[in-house]
Amino acid sequence: MCFGVLPLVYKSIINDIIYVVNDKIHDLQNKINVCFTMTIVSFIVNAKGVNSMKALELNNQIKAAAAVAGLSLAEVARRVGMSPQAFNNRIKTGKFTREEFDAIAAAMGAEYKAVFVFPDGREV
């Protein structure tokens, strides 16, 4: 009598396990993407004779931030109301307004900060 119910219970448990495993795989893929992106960016920056990650260009920052957020650049573009093609063209030029950077950051669930910090702690 219970044999008809058991397969449904097992199926539910197996589906739950599959969901958790897939979620963990997705997290690991995002971490790998971020590490790979940062490694490539670091290599490019160092190949240009600059030995600091501070030289990371804004377009590479957007790509790295999207990877951290687990989003494709196309999805970020859609979230800010741009076509993926137009967004990619803007990334190549690196020409965004402060408001656009704020919108891009918000689309990724982040905050964009670009400030001048003085020795006494003041920020402009």
N, C-alpha and C. Protein backbone atom coordinates (compact mmCIF):
# COMPACT_ATOMS: atom_id res chain seq x y z
N MET A 1 0.81 -1.18 0.00
CA MET A 1 0.00 0.00 0.00
C MET A 1 0.86 1.26 0.00
N CYS A 2 1.93 1.28 0.74
CA CYS A 2 2.83 2.44 0.81
C CYS A 2 3.74 2.54 -0.39
N PHE A 3 3.84 1.47 -1.18
CA PHE A 3 4.79 1.49 -2.29
C PHE A 3 4.45 2.54 -3.35
N GLY A 4 3.19 2.86 -3.50
CA GLY A 4 2.81 3.89 -4.46
C GLY A 4 3.22 5.28 -4.02
N VAL A 5 3.31 5.52 -2.71
CA VAL A 5 3.66 6.83 -2.17
C VAL A 5 5.17 7.03 -2.12
N LEU A 6 5.89 5.97 -1.83
CA LEU A 6 7.34 6.08 -1.68
C LEU A 6 8.04 6.67 -2.90
N PRO A 7 7.74 6.22 -4.10
CA PRO A 7 8.44 6.83 -5.24
C PRO A 7 8.22 8.34 -5.33
N LEU A 8 7.05 8.84 -4.99
CA LEU A 8 6.79 10.28 -5.02
C LEU A 8 7.63 11.00 -3.96
N VAL A 9 7.76 10.41 -2.80
CA VAL A 9 8.57 11.00 -1.74
C VAL A 9 10.03 11.04 -2.17
N TYR A 10 10.51 9.92 -2.72
CA TYR A 10 11.90 9.88 -3.18
C TYR A 10 12.13 10.88 -4.30
N LYS A 11 11.16 10.98 -5.21
CA LYS A 11 11.29 11.93 -6.32
C LYS A 11 11.40 13.36 -5.78
N SER A 12 10.61 13.70 -4.79
CA SER A 12 10.66 15.03 -4.19
C SER A 12 12.01 15.29 -3.54
N ILE A 13 12.51 14.29 -2.81
CA ILE A 13 13.81 14.43 -2.14
C ILE A 13 14.92 14.56 -3.18
N ILE A 14 14.86 13.75 -4.22
CA ILE A 14 15.88 13.81 -5.26
C ILE A 14 15.84 15.17 -5.97
N ASN A 15 14.64 15.68 -6.25
CA ASN A 15 14.53 17.00 -6.88
C ASN A 15 15.11 18.09 -5.99
N ASP A 16 14.87 17.98 -4.68
CA ASP A 16 15.45 18.96 -3.75
C ASP A 16 16.98 18.90 -3.76
N ILE A 17 17.52 17.71 -3.79
CA ILE A 17 18.97 17.53 -3.83
C ILE A 17 19.53 18.10 -5.12
N ILE A 18 18.88 17.81 -6.24
CA ILE A 18 19.33 18.32 -7.53
C ILE A 18 19.32 19.85 -7.53
N TYR A 19 18.27 20.45 -6.96
CA TYR A 19 18.18 21.91 -6.90
C TYR A 19 19.35 22.49 -6.12
N VAL A 20 19.66 21.91 -4.96
CA VAL A 20 20.76 22.41 -4.12
C VAL A 20 22.09 22.23 -4.85
N VAL A 21 22.31 21.10 -5.47
CA VAL A 21 23.56 20.84 -6.19
C VAL A 21 23.70 21.82 -7.35
N ASN A 22 22.62 22.03 -8.12
CA ASN A 22 22.68 22.98 -9.23
C ASN A 22 22.98 24.39 -8.74
N ASP A 23 22.41 24.78 -7.62
CA ASP A 23 22.66 26.09 -7.04
C ASP A 23 24.13 26.24 -6.65
N LYS A 24 24.69 25.21 -6.05
CA LYS A 24 26.11 25.24 -5.66
C LYS A 24 27.01 25.28 -6.90
N ILE A 25 26.63 24.55 -7.94
CA ILE A 25 27.40 24.57 -9.18
C ILE A 25 27.39 25.97 -9.78
N HIS A 26 26.21 26.61 -9.77
CA HIS A 26 26.09 27.98 -10.30
C HIS A 26 26.99 28.93 -9.51
N ASP A 27 27.00 28.82 -8.18
CA ASP A 27 27.86 29.67 -7.35
C ASP A 27 29.34 29.46 -7.70
N LEU A 28 29.73 28.20 -7.86
CA LEU A 28 31.13 27.90 -8.20
C LEU A 28 31.48 28.44 -9.58
N GLN A 29 30.54 28.33 -10.54
CA GLN A 29 30.80 28.87 -11.88
C GLN A 29 31.01 30.37 -11.81
N ASN A 30 30.20 31.07 -11.02
CA ASN A 30 30.37 32.52 -10.88
C ASN A 30 31.72 32.86 -10.28
N LYS A 31 32.13 32.12 -9.24
CA LYS A 31 33.43 32.37 -8.62
C LYS A 31 34.57 32.11 -9.60
N ILE A 32 34.44 31.06 -10.39
CA ILE A 32 35.46 30.75 -11.39
C ILE A 32 35.51 31.86 -12.43
N ASN A 33 34.34 32.32 -12.89
CA ASN A 33 34.28 33.40 -13.88
C ASN A 33 34.96 34.66 -13.35
N VAL A 34 34.70 35.00 -12.08
CA VAL A 34 35.30 36.19 -11.49
C VAL A 34 36.82 36.03 -11.42
N CYS A 35 37.27 34.87 -10.94
CA CYS A 35 38.72 34.64 -10.84
C CYS A 35 39.37 34.69 -12.21
N PHE A 36 38.74 34.07 -13.20
CA PHE A 36 39.29 34.06 -14.55
C PHE A 36 39.33 35.48 -15.11
N THR A 37 38.23 36.22 -14.94
CA THR A 37 38.17 37.60 -15.45
C THR A 37 39.25 38.45 -14.80
N MET A 38 39.39 38.36 -13.48
CA MET A 38 40.38 39.18 -12.78
C MET A 38 41.80 38.76 -13.17
N THR A 39 42.03 37.47 -13.42
CA THR A 39 43.35 37.01 -13.85
C THR A 39 43.70 37.58 -15.22
N ILE A 40 42.75 37.51 -16.14
CA ILE A 40 42.97 38.03 -17.49
C ILE A 40 43.22 39.54 -17.43
N VAL A 41 42.39 40.24 -16.67
CA VAL A 41 42.53 41.69 -16.55
C VAL A 41 43.89 42.03 -15.94
N SER A 42 44.27 41.31 -14.92
CA SER A 42 45.58 41.53 -14.28
C SER A 42 46.70 41.31 -15.28
N PHE A 43 46.59 40.26 -16.07
CA PHE A 43 47.61 39.98 -17.09
C PHE A 43 47.69 41.11 -18.10
N ILE A 44 46.54 41.58 -18.58
CA ILE A 44 46.51 42.66 -19.56
C ILE A 44 47.12 43.93 -18.97
N VAL A 45 46.73 44.26 -17.74
CA VAL A 45 47.25 45.46 -17.10
C VAL A 45 48.76 45.36 -16.94
N ASN A 46 49.25 44.21 -16.48
CA ASN A 46 50.68 44.05 -16.28
C ASN A 46 51.43 44.01 -17.61
N ALA A 47 50.80 43.47 -18.65
CA ALA A 47 51.44 43.42 -19.97
C ALA A 47 51.64 44.82 -20.54
N LYS A 48 50.81 45.76 -20.12
CA LYS A 48 50.95 47.13 -20.59
C LYS A 48 51.98 47.90 -19.77
N GLY A 49 52.64 47.22 -18.85
CA GLY A 49 53.68 47.86 -18.07
C GLY A 49 53.16 48.54 -16.82
N VAL A 50 51.94 48.29 -16.45
CA VAL A 50 51.35 48.88 -15.25
C VAL A 50 51.25 47.77 -14.22
N ASN A 51 51.84 47.99 -13.06
CA ASN A 51 51.89 46.93 -12.05
C ASN A 51 50.87 47.11 -10.94
N SER A 52 49.75 47.69 -11.25
CA SER A 52 48.76 47.92 -10.21
C SER A 52 47.37 47.66 -10.75
N MET A 53 46.55 47.01 -9.94
CA MET A 53 45.16 46.79 -10.35
C MET A 53 44.37 48.09 -10.35
N LYS A 54 44.96 49.17 -9.80
CA LYS A 54 44.28 50.46 -9.84
C LYS A 54 44.09 50.93 -11.28
N ALA A 55 44.91 50.40 -12.19
CA ALA A 55 44.83 50.78 -13.59
C ALA A 55 43.72 50.05 -14.33
N LEU A 56 42.97 49.25 -13.60
CA LEU A 56 41.85 48.51 -14.18
C LEU A 56 40.90 49.49 -14.84
N GLU A 57 40.70 49.36 -16.11
CA GLU A 57 39.85 50.29 -16.82
C GLU A 57 38.39 50.06 -16.46
N LEU A 58 37.60 51.11 -16.61
CA LEU A 58 36.19 51.04 -16.24
C LEU A 58 35.45 49.96 -17.01
N ASN A 59 35.79 49.77 -18.28
CA ASN A 59 35.08 48.74 -19.03
C ASN A 59 35.33 47.36 -18.46
N ASN A 60 36.55 47.11 -18.00
CA ASN A 60 36.85 45.82 -17.37
C ASN A 60 36.20 45.72 -16.00
N GLN A 61 36.05 46.85 -15.32
CA GLN A 61 35.36 46.84 -14.03
C GLN A 61 33.91 46.41 -14.23
N ILE A 62 33.28 46.91 -15.27
CA ILE A 62 31.88 46.54 -15.53
C ILE A 62 31.78 45.05 -15.81
N LYS A 63 32.69 44.53 -16.61
CA LYS A 63 32.68 43.10 -16.92
C LYS A 63 32.90 42.26 -15.67
N ALA A 64 33.86 42.66 -14.84
CA ALA A 64 34.14 41.92 -13.61
C ALA A 64 32.97 42.02 -12.64
N ALA A 65 32.36 43.21 -12.53
CA ALA A 65 31.22 43.38 -11.63
C ALA A 65 30.03 42.54 -12.08
N ALA A 66 29.81 42.47 -13.38
CA ALA A 66 28.72 41.64 -13.90
C ALA A 66 28.96 40.18 -13.56
N ALA A 67 30.21 39.74 -13.67
CA ALA A 67 30.55 38.36 -13.32
C ALA A 67 30.31 38.10 -11.84
N VAL A 68 30.69 39.05 -11.00
CA VAL A 68 30.44 38.91 -9.56
C VAL A 68 28.95 38.82 -9.27
N ALA A 69 28.16 39.62 -9.99
CA ALA A 69 26.70 39.63 -9.80
C ALA A 69 26.04 38.41 -10.41
N GLY A 70 26.80 37.65 -11.19
CA GLY A 70 26.24 36.46 -11.82
C GLY A 70 25.34 36.81 -13.01
N LEU A 71 25.63 37.95 -13.64
CA LEU A 71 24.81 38.41 -14.76
C LEU A 71 25.65 38.49 -16.03
N SER A 72 25.01 38.25 -17.14
CA SER A 72 25.67 38.48 -18.42
C SER A 72 25.61 39.97 -18.72
N LEU A 73 26.49 40.42 -19.59
CA LEU A 73 26.45 41.83 -19.99
C LEU A 73 25.15 42.15 -20.70
N ALA A 74 24.60 41.18 -21.43
CA ALA A 74 23.32 41.39 -22.11
C ALA A 74 22.20 41.62 -21.10
N GLU A 75 22.22 40.88 -20.00
CA GLU A 75 21.19 41.06 -18.97
C GLU A 75 21.35 42.41 -18.28
N VAL A 76 22.57 42.82 -18.01
CA VAL A 76 22.81 44.14 -17.41
C VAL A 76 22.28 45.21 -18.36
N ALA A 77 22.58 45.06 -19.66
CA ALA A 77 22.11 46.02 -20.66
C ALA A 77 20.59 46.14 -20.63
N ARG A 78 19.91 45.01 -20.63
CA ARG A 78 18.44 45.04 -20.60
C ARG A 78 17.92 45.72 -19.33
N ARG A 79 18.59 45.47 -18.22
CA ARG A 79 18.14 46.05 -16.95
C ARG A 79 18.30 47.57 -16.91
N VAL A 80 19.24 48.10 -17.69
CA VAL A 80 19.43 49.55 -17.72
C VAL A 80 18.74 50.18 -18.93
N GLY A 81 17.98 49.37 -19.67
CA GLY A 81 17.20 49.90 -20.78
C GLY A 81 17.98 50.12 -22.06
N MET A 82 19.05 49.36 -22.25
CA MET A 82 19.84 49.47 -23.48
C MET A 82 19.84 48.13 -24.19
N SER A 83 20.06 48.18 -25.50
CA SER A 83 20.24 46.93 -26.23
C SER A 83 21.63 46.38 -25.88
N PRO A 84 21.79 45.06 -25.92
CA PRO A 84 23.12 44.51 -25.65
C PRO A 84 24.20 45.06 -26.59
N GLN A 85 23.84 45.29 -27.85
CA GLN A 85 24.82 45.81 -28.81
C GLN A 85 25.25 47.22 -28.42
N ALA A 86 24.28 48.08 -28.11
CA ALA A 86 24.61 49.46 -27.73
C ALA A 86 25.44 49.48 -26.44
N PHE A 87 25.07 48.62 -25.49
CA PHE A 87 25.79 48.55 -24.22
C PHE A 87 27.24 48.13 -24.45
N ASN A 88 27.44 47.10 -25.28
CA ASN A 88 28.79 46.64 -25.58
C ASN A 88 29.61 47.72 -26.26
N ASN A 89 28.99 48.47 -27.15
CA ASN A 89 29.70 49.58 -27.79
C ASN A 89 30.11 50.64 -26.77
N ARG A 90 29.22 50.93 -25.83
CA ARG A 90 29.55 51.91 -24.79
C ARG A 90 30.65 51.39 -23.88
N ILE A 91 30.62 50.09 -23.59
CA ILE A 91 31.68 49.50 -22.75
C ILE A 91 33.03 49.64 -23.44
N LYS A 92 33.05 49.43 -24.75
CA LYS A 92 34.31 49.54 -25.49
C LYS A 92 34.89 50.95 -25.41
N THR A 93 34.03 51.95 -25.45
CA THR A 93 34.52 53.33 -25.38
C THR A 93 34.74 53.76 -23.94
N GLY A 94 34.03 53.12 -23.00
CA GLY A 94 34.15 53.49 -21.59
C GLY A 94 33.50 54.81 -21.25
N LYS A 95 32.67 55.32 -22.14
CA LYS A 95 32.05 56.62 -21.94
C LYS A 95 30.65 56.47 -21.36
N PHE A 96 30.57 56.61 -20.05
CA PHE A 96 29.31 56.57 -19.31
C PHE A 96 29.25 57.79 -18.41
N THR A 97 28.06 58.30 -18.21
CA THR A 97 27.89 59.38 -17.24
C THR A 97 27.83 58.79 -15.84
N ARG A 98 27.97 59.65 -14.86
CA ARG A 98 27.86 59.20 -13.46
C ARG A 98 26.51 58.53 -13.22
N GLU A 99 25.45 59.12 -13.79
CA GLU A 99 24.11 58.57 -13.62
C GLU A 99 24.01 57.18 -14.26
N GLU A 100 24.68 57.00 -15.40
CA GLU A 100 24.65 55.69 -16.05
C GLU A 100 25.41 54.65 -15.22
N PHE A 101 26.54 55.05 -14.63
CA PHE A 101 27.26 54.13 -13.75
C PHE A 101 26.39 53.74 -12.55
N ASP A 102 25.67 54.71 -12.00
CA ASP A 102 24.77 54.42 -10.88
C ASP A 102 23.70 53.42 -11.30
N ALA A 103 23.14 53.60 -12.51
CA ALA A 103 22.09 52.70 -13.01
C ALA A 103 22.65 51.31 -13.27
N ILE A 104 23.86 51.25 -13.82
CA ILE A 104 24.50 49.95 -14.07
C ILE A 104 24.74 49.22 -12.76
N ALA A 105 25.25 49.95 -11.78
CA ALA A 105 25.50 49.34 -10.46
C ALA A 105 24.19 48.85 -9.85
N ALA A 106 23.15 49.65 -9.91
CA ALA A 106 21.85 49.26 -9.35
C ALA A 106 21.32 48.02 -10.05
N ALA A 107 21.52 47.93 -11.36
CA ALA A 107 21.07 46.76 -12.12
C ALA A 107 21.77 45.49 -11.67
N MET A 108 22.99 45.65 -11.13
CA MET A 108 23.76 44.50 -10.66
C MET A 108 23.61 44.28 -9.16
N GLY A 109 22.79 45.11 -8.51
CA GLY A 109 22.63 44.99 -7.07
C GLY A 109 23.82 45.51 -6.30
N ALA A 110 24.49 46.50 -6.89
CA ALA A 110 25.70 47.06 -6.27
C ALA A 110 25.56 48.57 -6.16
N GLU A 111 26.62 49.18 -5.67
CA GLU A 111 26.69 50.63 -5.57
C GLU A 111 27.97 51.07 -6.24
N TYR A 112 27.89 52.10 -7.08
CA TYR A 112 29.08 52.61 -7.75
C TYR A 112 29.60 53.80 -6.97
N LYS A 113 30.90 53.77 -6.66
CA LYS A 113 31.52 54.87 -5.93
C LYS A 113 32.71 55.38 -6.72
N ALA A 114 32.71 56.66 -6.95
CA ALA A 114 33.85 57.32 -7.59
C ALA A 114 34.05 58.64 -6.86
N VAL A 115 35.01 58.65 -5.96
CA VAL A 115 35.22 59.84 -5.14
C VAL A 115 36.71 60.16 -5.02
N PHE A 116 36.99 61.42 -4.73
CA PHE A 116 38.34 61.82 -4.36
C PHE A 116 38.38 61.82 -2.83
N VAL A 117 39.34 61.13 -2.27
CA VAL A 117 39.46 61.05 -0.82
C VAL A 117 40.73 61.79 -0.40
N PHE A 118 40.57 62.75 0.49
CA PHE A 118 41.69 63.56 0.96
C PHE A 118 42.27 62.95 2.25
N PRO A 119 43.52 63.27 2.56
CA PRO A 119 44.17 62.70 3.75
C PRO A 119 43.39 62.89 5.04
N ASP A 120 42.63 64.00 5.14
CA ASP A 120 41.86 64.22 6.36
C ASP A 120 40.52 63.48 6.37
N GLY A 121 40.30 62.65 5.35
CA GLY A 121 39.08 61.86 5.31
C GLY A 121 37.94 62.46 4.50
N ARG A 122 38.09 63.71 4.09
CA ARG A 122 37.03 64.33 3.29
C ARG A 122 36.94 63.66 1.93
N GLU A 123 35.73 63.54 1.42
CA GLU A 123 35.50 62.96 0.11
C GLU A 123 34.77 63.97 -0.77
N VAL A 124 35.20 64.03 -2.01
CA VAL A 124 34.55 64.91 -2.97
C VAL A 124 34.16 64.06 -4.18
